[in-house]
Amino acid sequence: MAAVPPPSDGDEPDTLAFGIAALDDRLRDSELSFPIRRDALVETLGDPDVPVDPSGRTIALSTAIDRADRDRFEHRRDLLNALHPVFETERGAGGGVRSLLRRLVPF
């Protein structure tokens, strides 16, 4: 998922990646080879905090993998598919009143 940030006059990107898109960007920039075990994945990437929503909330990669309850990933798509529900759950879990209103009132 990606969201368009507020306009700025700097050289910042046009979108802010979060969830699977943010993780996929990091995976593409890494030297990972699959299949890979969870420990090697976290060690290679340095257990980054992955943004889960446009407001900047994050989840540690190791925590997301714990919640996915997987120990091995056969390929990049397998990893992303396993973590997608974790990021979606985390994204929907926070945000306070504003997030609650977004879920209740369709825009």
PDB file of N, CA and C in Angstrom:
ATOM      1  N   MET A   1       0.833  -1.160   0.000  1.00  0.00           N
ATOM      2  CA  MET A   1       0.000   0.000   0.000  1.00  0.00           C
ATOM      3  C   MET A   1       0.884   1.230   0.000  1.00  0.00           C
ATOM      4  N   ALA A   2       0.421   2.291  -0.578  1.00  0.00           N
ATOM      5  CA  ALA A   2       1.144   3.546  -0.577  1.00  0.00           C
ATOM      6  C   ALA A   2       0.136   4.681  -0.490  1.00  0.00           C
ATOM      7  N   ALA A   3       0.548   5.760   0.128  1.00  0.00           N
ATOM      8  CA  ALA A   3      -0.315   6.925   0.269  1.00  0.00           C
ATOM      9  C   ALA A   3       0.428   8.143  -0.234  1.00  0.00           C
ATOM     10  N   VAL A   4      -0.303   9.074  -0.750  1.00  0.00           N
ATOM     11  CA  VAL A   4       0.296  10.310  -1.218  1.00  0.00           C
ATOM     12  C   VAL A   4       0.434  11.256  -0.033  1.00  0.00           C
ATOM     13  N   PRO A   5       1.673  11.691   0.265  1.00  0.00           N
ATOM     14  CA  PRO A   5       1.867  12.605   1.390  1.00  0.00           C
ATOM     15  C   PRO A   5       1.428  14.013   1.034  1.00  0.00           C
ATOM     16  N   PRO A   6       1.338  14.884   2.031  1.00  0.00           N
ATOM     17  CA  PRO A   6       0.972  16.269   1.744  1.00  0.00           C
ATOM     18  C   PRO A   6       2.011  16.908   0.830  1.00  0.00           C
ATOM     19  N   PRO A   7       1.599  17.904   0.040  1.00  0.00           N
ATOM     20  CA  PRO A   7       2.544  18.555  -0.864  1.00  0.00           C
ATOM     21  C   PRO A   7       3.710  19.162  -0.099  1.00  0.00           C
ATOM     22  N   SER A   8       4.889  19.086  -0.692  1.00  0.00           N
ATOM     23  CA  SER A   8       6.061  19.700  -0.093  1.00  0.00           C
ATOM     24  C   SER A   8       6.905  20.294  -1.207  1.00  0.00           C
ATOM     25  N   ASP A   9       7.825  21.145  -0.829  1.00  0.00           N
ATOM     26  CA  ASP A   9       8.660  21.767  -1.835  1.00  0.00           C
ATOM     27  C   ASP A   9      10.058  21.174  -1.857  1.00  0.00           C
ATOM     28  N   GLY A  10      10.260  20.035  -1.186  1.00  0.00           N
ATOM     29  CA  GLY A  10      11.563  19.389  -1.145  1.00  0.00           C
ATOM     30  C   GLY A  10      11.714  18.327  -2.224  1.00  0.00           C
ATOM     31  N   ASP A  11      12.796  17.601  -2.142  1.00  0.00           N
ATOM     32  CA  ASP A  11      13.062  16.522  -3.093  1.00  0.00           C
ATOM     33  C   ASP A  11      12.618  15.180  -2.540  1.00  0.00           C
ATOM     34  N   GLU A  12      11.509  15.158  -1.829  1.00  0.00           N
ATOM     35  CA  GLU A  12      11.001  13.932  -1.238  1.00  0.00           C
ATOM     36  C   GLU A  12      10.193  13.154  -2.270  1.00  0.00           C
ATOM     37  N   PRO A  13      10.041  11.828  -2.070  1.00  0.00           N
ATOM     38  CA  PRO A  13       9.272  11.031  -3.024  1.00  0.00           C
ATOM     39  C   PRO A  13       7.802  11.432  -3.050  1.00  0.00           C
ATOM     40  N   ASP A  14       7.115  11.081  -4.150  1.00  0.00           N
ATOM     41  CA  ASP A  14       5.706  11.422  -4.302  1.00  0.00           C
ATOM     42  C   ASP A  14       4.792  10.538  -3.465  1.00  0.00           C
ATOM     43  N   THR A  15       5.253   9.379  -3.065  1.00  0.00           N
ATOM     44  CA  THR A  15       4.435   8.475  -2.271  1.00  0.00           C
ATOM     45  C   THR A  15       5.212   7.991  -1.058  1.00  0.00           C
ATOM     46  N   LEU A  16       4.476   7.563  -0.066  1.00  0.00           N
ATOM     47  CA  LEU A  16       5.046   6.999   1.144  1.00  0.00           C
ATOM     48  C   LEU A  16       4.631   5.540   1.183  1.00  0.00           C
ATOM     49  N   ALA A  17       5.576   4.637   1.070  1.00  0.00           N
ATOM     50  CA  ALA A  17       5.255   3.210   1.080  1.00  0.00           C
ATOM     51  C   ALA A  17       5.092   2.732   2.520  1.00  0.00           C
ATOM     52  N   PHE A  18       4.121   1.859   2.715  1.00  0.00           N
ATOM     53  CA  PHE A  18       3.942   1.238   4.025  1.00  0.00           C
ATOM     54  C   PHE A  18       3.451  -0.181   3.831  1.00  0.00           C
ATOM     55  N   GLY A  19       3.530  -0.979   4.887  1.00  0.00           N
ATOM     56  CA  GLY A  19       3.097  -2.376   4.820  1.00  0.00           C
ATOM     57  C   GLY A  19       3.928  -3.184   3.843  1.00  0.00           C
ATOM     58  N   ILE A  20       3.260  -3.993   3.059  1.00  0.00           N
ATOM     59  CA  ILE A  20       3.931  -4.885   2.114  1.00  0.00           C
ATOM     60  C   ILE A  20       4.776  -4.105   1.110  1.00  0.00           C
ATOM     61  N   ALA A  21       4.299  -2.963   0.651  1.00  0.00           N
ATOM     62  CA  ALA A  21       5.064  -2.171  -0.322  1.00  0.00           C
ATOM     63  C   ALA A  21       6.390  -1.706   0.277  1.00  0.00           C
ATOM     64  N   ALA A  22       6.375  -1.270   1.525  1.00  0.00           N
ATOM     65  CA  ALA A  22       7.609  -0.824   2.185  1.00  0.00           C
ATOM     66  C   ALA A  22       8.566  -1.990   2.374  1.00  0.00           C
ATOM     67  N   LEU A  23       8.037  -3.126   2.787  1.00  0.00           N
ATOM     68  CA  LEU A  23       8.885  -4.302   2.963  1.00  0.00           C
ATOM     69  C   LEU A  23       9.436  -4.769   1.624  1.00  0.00           C
ATOM     70  N   ASP A  24       8.611  -4.775   0.599  1.00  0.00           N
ATOM     71  CA  ASP A  24       9.062  -5.205  -0.724  1.00  0.00           C
ATOM     72  C   ASP A  24      10.180  -4.296  -1.237  1.00  0.00           C
ATOM     73  N   ASP A  25      10.077  -2.993  -1.012  1.00  0.00           N
ATOM     74  CA  ASP A  25      11.158  -2.077  -1.397  1.00  0.00           C
ATOM     75  C   ASP A  25      12.466  -2.468  -0.720  1.00  0.00           C
ATOM     76  N   ARG A  26      12.378  -2.776   0.564  1.00  0.00           N
ATOM     77  CA  ARG A  26      13.578  -3.154   1.319  1.00  0.00           C
ATOM     78  C   ARG A  26      14.137  -4.489   0.814  1.00  0.00           C
ATOM     79  N   LEU A  27      13.256  -5.438   0.504  1.00  0.00           N
ATOM     80  CA  LEU A  27      13.710  -6.733   0.000  1.00  0.00           C
ATOM     81  C   LEU A  27      14.418  -6.582  -1.343  1.00  0.00           C
ATOM     82  N   ARG A  28      13.868  -5.751  -2.216  1.00  0.00           N
ATOM     83  CA  ARG A  28      14.462  -5.549  -3.540  1.00  0.00           C
ATOM     84  C   ARG A  28      15.836  -4.892  -3.455  1.00  0.00           C
ATOM     85  N   ASP A  29      16.051  -4.078  -2.411  1.00  0.00           N
ATOM     86  CA  ASP A  29      17.338  -3.409  -2.229  1.00  0.00           C
ATOM     87  C   ASP A  29      18.364  -4.273  -1.494  1.00  0.00           C
ATOM     88  N   SER A  30      17.946  -5.458  -1.042  1.00  0.00           N
ATOM     89  CA  SER A  30      18.835  -6.323  -0.262  1.00  0.00           C
ATOM     90  C   SER A  30      19.457  -7.402  -1.152  1.00  0.00           C
ATOM     91  N   GLU A  31      20.328  -8.161  -0.554  1.00  0.00           N
ATOM     92  CA  GLU A  31      20.990  -9.257  -1.266  1.00  0.00           C
ATOM     93  C   GLU A  31      20.481 -10.608  -0.748  1.00  0.00           C
ATOM     94  N   LEU A  32      19.209 -10.689  -0.432  1.00  0.00           N
ATOM     95  CA  LEU A  32      18.621 -11.927   0.074  1.00  0.00           C
ATOM     96  C   LEU A  32      18.539 -12.976  -1.026  1.00  0.00           C
ATOM     97  N   SER A  33      18.666 -14.230  -0.612  1.00  0.00           N
ATOM     98  CA  SER A  33      18.401 -15.326  -1.547  1.00  0.00           C
ATOM     99  C   SER A  33      17.429 -16.278  -0.859  1.00  0.00           C
ATOM    100  N   PHE A  34      16.514 -16.773  -1.626  1.00  0.00           N
ATOM    101  CA  PHE A  34      15.467 -17.663  -1.110  1.00  0.00           C
ATOM    102  C   PHE A  34      15.732 -19.061  -1.601  1.00  0.00           C
ATOM    103  N   PRO A  35      15.297 -20.073  -0.861  1.00  0.00           N
ATOM    104  CA  PRO A  35      14.553 -20.031   0.403  1.00  0.00           C
ATOM    105  C   PRO A  35      15.426 -19.476   1.525  1.00  0.00           C
ATOM    106  N   ILE A  36      14.728 -18.944   2.537  1.00  0.00           N
ATOM    107  CA  ILE A  36      15.423 -18.344   3.674  1.00  0.00           C
ATOM    108  C   ILE A  36      14.640 -18.623   4.950  1.00  0.00           C
ATOM    109  N   ARG A  37      15.382 -18.840   6.022  1.00  0.00           N
ATOM    110  CA  ARG A  37      14.759 -19.038   7.334  1.00  0.00           C
ATOM    111  C   ARG A  37      14.567 -17.669   7.990  1.00  0.00           C
ATOM    112  N   ARG A  38      13.617 -17.608   8.886  1.00  0.00           N
ATOM    113  CA  ARG A  38      13.258 -16.348   9.546  1.00  0.00           C
ATOM    114  C   ARG A  38      14.447 -15.678  10.216  1.00  0.00           C
ATOM    115  N   ASP A  39      15.280 -16.463  10.904  1.00  0.00           N
ATOM    116  CA  ASP A  39      16.425 -15.878  11.609  1.00  0.00           C
ATOM    117  C   ASP A  39      17.409 -15.226  10.641  1.00  0.00           C
ATOM    118  N   ALA A  40      17.675 -15.895   9.525  1.00  0.00           N
ATOM    119  CA  ALA A  40      18.591 -15.346   8.522  1.00  0.00           C
ATOM    120  C   ALA A  40      17.991 -14.092   7.880  1.00  0.00           C
ATOM    121  N   LEU A  41      16.698 -14.099   7.679  1.00  0.00           N
ATOM    122  CA  LEU A  41      16.008 -12.945   7.089  1.00  0.00           C
ATOM    123  C   LEU A  41      16.143 -11.728   7.994  1.00  0.00           C
ATOM    124  N   VAL A  42      15.823 -11.903   9.265  1.00  0.00           N
ATOM    125  CA  VAL A  42      15.891 -10.799  10.225  1.00  0.00           C
ATOM    126  C   VAL A  42      17.340 -10.340  10.393  1.00  0.00           C
ATOM    127  N   GLU A  43      18.271 -11.276  10.458  1.00  0.00           N
ATOM    128  CA  GLU A  43      19.678 -10.913  10.612  1.00  0.00           C
ATOM    129  C   GLU A  43      20.193 -10.145   9.395  1.00  0.00           C
ATOM    130  N   THR A  44      19.850 -10.594   8.206  1.00  0.00           N
ATOM    131  CA  THR A  44      20.321  -9.940   6.980  1.00  0.00           C
ATOM    132  C   THR A  44      19.757  -8.533   6.839  1.00  0.00           C
ATOM    133  N   LEU A  45      18.486  -8.359   7.158  1.00  0.00           N
ATOM    134  CA  LEU A  45      17.848  -7.040   7.015  1.00  0.00           C
ATOM    135  C   LEU A  45      18.044  -6.151   8.236  1.00  0.00           C
ATOM    136  N   GLY A  46      18.523  -6.729   9.344  1.00  0.00           N
ATOM    137  CA  GLY A  46      18.751  -5.931  10.551  1.00  0.00           C
ATOM    138  C   GLY A  46      17.502  -5.656  11.362  1.00  0.00           C
ATOM    139  N   ASP A  47      16.489  -6.481  11.239  1.00  0.00           N
ATOM    140  CA  ASP A  47      15.222  -6.334  11.967  1.00  0.00           C
ATOM    141  C   ASP A  47      14.663  -4.915  11.884  1.00  0.00           C
ATOM    142  N   PRO A  48      14.399  -4.446  10.665  1.00  0.00           N
ATOM    143  CA  PRO A  48      13.915  -3.065  10.511  1.00  0.00           C
ATOM    144  C   PRO A  48      12.494  -2.887  11.021  1.00  0.00           C
ATOM    145  N   ASP A  49      12.186  -1.667  11.393  1.00  0.00           N
ATOM    146  CA  ASP A  49      10.808  -1.288  11.681  1.00  0.00           C
ATOM    147  C   ASP A  49      10.162  -0.961  10.342  1.00  0.00           C
ATOM    148  N   VAL A  50       9.054  -1.618  10.045  1.00  0.00           N
ATOM    149  CA  VAL A  50       8.359  -1.432   8.769  1.00  0.00           C
ATOM    150  C   VAL A  50       7.134  -0.554   9.015  1.00  0.00           C
ATOM    151  N   PRO A  51       6.998   0.546   8.283  1.00  0.00           N
ATOM    152  CA  PRO A  51       5.803   1.384   8.448  1.00  0.00           C
ATOM    153  C   PRO A  51       4.540   0.594   8.100  1.00  0.00           C
ATOM    154  N   VAL A  52       3.495   0.733   8.909  1.00  0.00           N
ATOM    155  CA  VAL A  52       2.253  -0.007   8.649  1.00  0.00           C
ATOM    156  C   VAL A  52       1.109   0.880   8.171  1.00  0.00           C
ATOM    157  N   ASP A  53       1.286   2.199   8.293  1.00  0.00           N
ATOM    158  CA  ASP A  53       0.236   3.105   7.832  1.00  0.00           C
ATOM    159  C   ASP A  53       0.854   4.460   7.510  1.00  0.00           C
ATOM    160  N   PRO A  54       0.091   5.322   6.844  1.00  0.00           N
ATOM    161  CA  PRO A  54       0.641   6.622   6.454  1.00  0.00           C
ATOM    162  C   PRO A  54       0.962   7.547   7.623  1.00  0.00           C
ATOM    163  N   SER A  55       0.431   7.251   8.797  1.00  0.00           N
ATOM    164  CA  SER A  55       0.702   8.121   9.948  1.00  0.00           C
ATOM    165  C   SER A  55       2.054   7.840  10.581  1.00  0.00           C
ATOM    166  N   GLY A  56       2.742   6.793  10.123  1.00  0.00           N
ATOM    167  CA  GLY A  56       4.084   6.527  10.611  1.00  0.00           C
ATOM    168  C   GLY A  56       4.208   5.426  11.645  1.00  0.00           C
ATOM    169  N   ARG A  57       3.103   4.783  12.009  1.00  0.00           N
ATOM    170  CA  ARG A  57       3.211   3.664  12.951  1.00  0.00           C
ATOM    171  C   ARG A  57       4.005   2.541  12.297  1.00  0.00           C
ATOM    172  N   THR A  58       4.788   1.815  13.082  1.00  0.00           N
ATOM    173  CA  THR A  58       5.649   0.762  12.550  1.00  0.00           C
ATOM    174  C   THR A  58       5.493  -0.533  13.338  1.00  0.00           C
ATOM    175  N   ILE A  59       6.024  -1.595  12.741  1.00  0.00           N
ATOM    176  CA  ILE A  59       6.125  -2.882  13.420  1.00  0.00           C
ATOM    177  C   ILE A  59       7.486  -3.459  13.053  1.00  0.00           C
ATOM    178  N   ALA A  60       8.155  -4.047  14.020  1.00  0.00           N
ATOM    179  CA  ALA A  60       9.448  -4.680  13.760  1.00  0.00           C
ATOM    180  C   ALA A  60       9.224  -5.907  12.875  1.00  0.00           C
ATOM    181  N   LEU A  61      10.138  -6.122  11.936  1.00  0.00           N
ATOM    182  CA  LEU A  61      10.024  -7.273  11.047  1.00  0.00           C
ATOM    183  C   LEU A  61       9.944  -8.567  11.841  1.00  0.00           C
ATOM    184  N   SER A  62      10.746  -8.700  12.896  1.00  0.00           N
ATOM    185  CA  SER A  62      10.728  -9.923  13.704  1.00  0.00           C
ATOM    186  C   SER A  62       9.357 -10.143  14.349  1.00  0.00           C
ATOM    187  N   THR A  63       8.705  -9.079  14.777  1.00  0.00           N
ATOM    188  CA  THR A  63       7.373  -9.182  15.364  1.00  0.00           C
ATOM    189  C   THR A  63       6.351  -9.622  14.328  1.00  0.00           C
ATOM    190  N   ALA A  64       6.439  -9.046  13.131  1.00  0.00           N
ATOM    191  CA  ALA A  64       5.521  -9.429  12.054  1.00  0.00           C
ATOM    192  C   ALA A  64       5.689 -10.900  11.701  1.00  0.00           C
ATOM    193  N   ILE A  65       6.931 -11.374  11.642  1.00  0.00           N
ATOM    194  CA  ILE A  65       7.175 -12.781  11.319  1.00  0.00           C
ATOM    195  C   ILE A  65       6.673 -13.675  12.443  1.00  0.00           C
ATOM    196  N   ASP A  66       6.850 -13.253  13.689  1.00  0.00           N
ATOM    197  CA  ASP A  66       6.307 -14.020  14.821  1.00  0.00           C
ATOM    198  C   ASP A  66       4.800 -14.186  14.668  1.00  0.00           C
ATOM    199  N   ARG A  67       4.118 -13.116  14.311  1.00  0.00           N
ATOM    200  CA  ARG A  67       2.662 -13.155  14.170  1.00  0.00           C
ATOM    201  C   ARG A  67       2.225 -13.991  12.969  1.00  0.00           C
ATOM    202  N   ALA A  68       3.069 -14.068  11.950  1.00  0.00           N
ATOM    203  CA  ALA A  68       2.752 -14.899  10.785  1.00  0.00           C
ATOM    204  C   ALA A  68       2.958 -16.374  11.089  1.00  0.00           C
ATOM    205  N   ASP A  69       3.695 -16.663  12.162  1.00  0.00           N
ATOM    206  CA  ASP A  69       3.937 -18.033  12.609  1.00  0.00           C
ATOM    207  C   ASP A  69       4.560 -18.897  11.504  1.00  0.00           C
ATOM    208  N   ARG A  70       5.591 -18.355  10.868  1.00  0.00           N
ATOM    209  CA  ARG A  70       6.321 -19.078   9.823  1.00  0.00           C
ATOM    210  C   ARG A  70       7.793 -19.076  10.169  1.00  0.00           C
ATOM    211  N   ASP A  71       8.486 -20.153   9.813  1.00  0.00           N
ATOM    212  CA  ASP A  71       9.907 -20.258  10.090  1.00  0.00           C
ATOM    213  C   ASP A  71      10.749 -20.219   8.819  1.00  0.00           C
ATOM    214  N   ARG A  72      10.115 -20.454   7.669  1.00  0.00           N
ATOM    215  CA  ARG A  72      10.860 -20.533   6.409  1.00  0.00           C
ATOM    216  C   ARG A  72      10.000 -19.977   5.269  1.00  0.00           C
ATOM    217  N   PHE A  73      10.666 -19.307   4.349  1.00  0.00           N
ATOM    218  CA  PHE A  73       9.987 -18.727   3.197  1.00  0.00           C
ATOM    219  C   PHE A  73      10.689 -19.209   1.934  1.00  0.00           C
ATOM    220  N   GLU A  74       9.913 -19.761   1.027  1.00  0.00           N
ATOM    221  CA  GLU A  74      10.485 -20.365  -0.183  1.00  0.00           C
ATOM    222  C   GLU A  74      10.921 -19.323  -1.211  1.00  0.00           C
ATOM    223  N   HIS A  75      10.211 -18.201  -1.289  1.00  0.00           N
ATOM    224  CA  HIS A  75      10.552 -17.140  -2.232  1.00  0.00           C
ATOM    225  C   HIS A  75       9.984 -15.826  -1.722  1.00  0.00           C
ATOM    226  N   ARG A  76      10.362 -14.727  -2.349  1.00  0.00           N
ATOM    227  CA  ARG A  76       9.945 -13.392  -1.914  1.00  0.00           C
ATOM    228  C   ARG A  76       8.418 -13.287  -1.845  1.00  0.00           C
ATOM    229  N   ARG A  77       7.726 -13.785  -2.860  1.00  0.00           N
ATOM    230  CA  ARG A  77       6.259 -13.708  -2.882  1.00  0.00           C
ATOM    231  C   ARG A  77       5.661 -14.486  -1.711  1.00  0.00           C
ATOM    232  N   ASP A  78       6.254 -15.608  -1.344  1.00  0.00           N
ATOM    233  CA  ASP A  78       5.798 -16.403  -0.203  1.00  0.00           C
ATOM    234  C   ASP A  78       5.895 -15.579   1.089  1.00  0.00           C
ATOM    235  N   LEU A  79       6.997 -14.873   1.244  1.00  0.00           N
ATOM    236  CA  LEU A  79       7.185 -14.012   2.415  1.00  0.00           C
ATOM    237  C   LEU A  79       6.143 -12.898   2.441  1.00  0.00           C
ATOM    238  N   LEU A  80       5.970 -12.222   1.324  1.00  0.00           N
ATOM    239  CA  LEU A  80       5.006 -11.118   1.271  1.00  0.00           C
ATOM    240  C   LEU A  80       3.584 -11.600   1.511  1.00  0.00           C
ATOM    241  N   ASN A  81       3.228 -12.742   0.945  1.00  0.00           N
ATOM    242  CA  ASN A  81       1.881 -13.294   1.159  1.00  0.00           C
ATOM    243  C   ASN A  81       1.654 -13.665   2.623  1.00  0.00           C
ATOM    244  N   ALA A  82       2.679 -14.189   3.277  1.00  0.00           N
ATOM    245  CA  ALA A  82       2.550 -14.581   4.688  1.00  0.00           C
ATOM    246  C   ALA A  82       2.407 -13.363   5.599  1.00  0.00           C
ATOM    247  N   LEU A  83       3.091 -12.264   5.246  1.00  0.00           N
ATOM    248  CA  LEU A  83       3.076 -11.089   6.115  1.00  0.00           C
ATOM    249  C   LEU A  83       1.948 -10.111   5.814  1.00  0.00           C
ATOM    250  N   HIS A  84       1.327 -10.236   4.661  1.00  0.00           N
ATOM    251  CA  HIS A  84       0.259  -9.302   4.290  1.00  0.00           C
ATOM    252  C   HIS A  84      -0.853  -9.219   5.345  1.00  0.00           C
ATOM    253  N   PRO A  85      -1.408 -10.351   5.812  1.00  0.00           N
ATOM    254  CA  PRO A  85      -2.473 -10.241   6.828  1.00  0.00           C
ATOM    255  C   PRO A  85      -1.987  -9.615   8.135  1.00  0.00           C
ATOM    256  N   VAL A  86      -0.730  -9.819   8.466  1.00  0.00           N
ATOM    257  CA  VAL A  86      -0.176  -9.233   9.689  1.00  0.00           C
ATOM    258  C   VAL A  86      -0.158  -7.711   9.573  1.00  0.00           C
ATOM    259  N   PHE A  87       0.317  -7.200   8.445  1.00  0.00           N
ATOM    260  CA  PHE A  87       0.357  -5.750   8.243  1.00  0.00           C
ATOM    261  C   PHE A  87      -1.054  -5.167   8.196  1.00  0.00           C
ATOM    262  N   GLU A  88      -1.979  -5.860   7.552  1.00  0.00           N
ATOM    263  CA  GLU A  88      -3.364  -5.372   7.485  1.00  0.00           C
ATOM    264  C   GLU A  88      -3.993  -5.312   8.875  1.00  0.00           C
ATOM    265  N   THR A  89      -3.766  -6.327   9.684  1.00  0.00           N
ATOM    266  CA  THR A  89      -4.292  -6.344  11.046  1.00  0.00           C
ATOM    267  C   THR A  89      -3.691  -5.216  11.864  1.00  0.00           C
ATOM    268  N   GLU A  90      -2.389  -5.037  11.747  1.00  0.00           N
ATOM    269  CA  GLU A  90      -1.704  -3.984  12.496  1.00  0.00           C
ATOM    270  C   GLU A  90      -2.186  -2.601  12.048  1.00  0.00           C
ATOM    271  N   ARG A  91      -2.365  -2.425  10.751  1.00  0.00           N
ATOM    272  CA  ARG A  91      -2.826  -1.136  10.220  1.00  0.00           C
ATOM    273  C   ARG A  91      -4.222  -0.812  10.744  1.00  0.00           C
ATOM    274  N   GLY A  92      -5.089  -1.809  10.821  1.00  0.00           N
ATOM    275  CA  GLY A  92      -6.454  -1.589  11.284  1.00  0.00           C
ATOM    276  C   GLY A  92      -6.585  -1.473  12.785  1.00  0.00           C
ATOM    277  N   ALA A  93      -5.548  -1.861  13.519  1.00  0.00           N
ATOM    278  CA  ALA A  93      -5.621  -1.898  14.974  1.00  0.00           C
ATOM    279  C   ALA A  93      -5.375  -0.563  15.644  1.00  0.00           C
ATOM    280  N   GLY A  94      -4.751   0.366  14.973  1.00  0.00           N
ATOM    281  CA  GLY A  94      -4.383   1.613  15.639  1.00  0.00           C
ATOM    282  C   GLY A  94      -4.975   2.821  14.961  1.00  0.00           C
ATOM    283  N   GLY A  95      -4.537   3.965  15.429  1.00  0.00           N
ATOM    284  CA  GLY A  95      -4.927   5.198  14.783  1.00  0.00           C
ATOM    285  C   GLY A  95      -5.933   6.031  15.547  1.00  0.00           C
ATOM    286  N   GLY A  96      -6.465   5.538  16.629  1.00  0.00           N
ATOM    287  CA  GLY A  96      -7.371   6.330  17.453  1.00  0.00           C
ATOM    288  C   GLY A  96      -8.711   6.614  16.804  1.00  0.00           C
ATOM    289  N   VAL A  97      -9.290   7.745  17.151  1.00  0.00           N
ATOM    290  CA  VAL A  97     -10.633   8.133  16.714  1.00  0.00           C
ATOM    291  C   VAL A  97     -10.692   8.304  15.195  1.00  0.00           C
ATOM    292  N   ARG A  98      -9.666   8.915  14.630  1.00  0.00           N
ATOM    293  CA  ARG A  98      -9.659   9.141  13.184  1.00  0.00           C
ATOM    294  C   ARG A  98      -9.730   7.818  12.410  1.00  0.00           C
ATOM    295  N   SER A  99      -8.948   6.851  12.848  1.00  0.00           N
ATOM    296  CA  SER A  99      -8.965   5.540  12.206  1.00  0.00           C
ATOM    297  C   SER A  99     -10.324   4.861  12.381  1.00  0.00           C
ATOM    298  N   LEU A 100     -10.904   4.988  13.561  1.00  0.00           N
ATOM    299  CA  LEU A 100     -12.214   4.408  13.822  1.00  0.00           C
ATOM    300  C   LEU A 100     -13.260   5.014  12.892  1.00  0.00           C
ATOM    301  N   LEU A 101     -13.244   6.326  12.737  1.00  0.00           N
ATOM    302  CA  LEU A 101     -14.206   6.994  11.848  1.00  0.00           C
ATOM    303  C   LEU A 101     -14.032   6.543  10.396  1.00  0.00           C
ATOM    304  N   ARG A 102     -12.786   6.360   9.955  1.00  0.00           N
ATOM    305  CA  ARG A 102     -12.543   5.891   8.585  1.00  0.00           C
ATOM    306  C   ARG A 102     -13.133   4.501   8.342  1.00  0.00           C
ATOM    307  N   ARG A 103     -13.051   3.661   9.384  1.00  0.00           N
ATOM    308  CA  ARG A 103     -13.603   2.310   9.224  1.00  0.00           C
ATOM    309  C   ARG A 103     -15.125   2.326   9.233  1.00  0.00           C
ATOM    310  N   LEU A 104     -15.730   3.258   9.971  1.00  0.00           N
ATOM    311  CA  LEU A 104     -17.184   3.287  10.122  1.00  0.00           C
ATOM    312  C   LEU A 104     -17.897   4.064   9.009  1.00  0.00           C
ATOM    313  N   VAL A 105     -17.251   5.130   8.519  1.00  0.00           N
ATOM    314  CA  VAL A 105     -17.878   5.993   7.523  1.00  0.00           C
ATOM    315  C   VAL A 105     -17.117   5.866   6.210  1.00  0.00           C
ATOM    316  N   PRO A 106     -17.740   5.305   5.182  1.00  0.00           N
ATOM    317  CA  PRO A 106     -17.034   5.195   3.907  1.00  0.00           C
ATOM    318  C   PRO A 106     -16.838   6.567   3.267  1.00  0.00           C
ATOM    319  N   PHE A 107     -15.666   6.764   2.678  1.00  0.00           N
ATOM    320  CA  PHE A 107     -15.359   8.041   2.019  1.00  0.00           C
ATOM    321  C   PHE A 107     -15.436   7.901   0.533  1.00  0.00           C
TER     322      PHE A 107
END
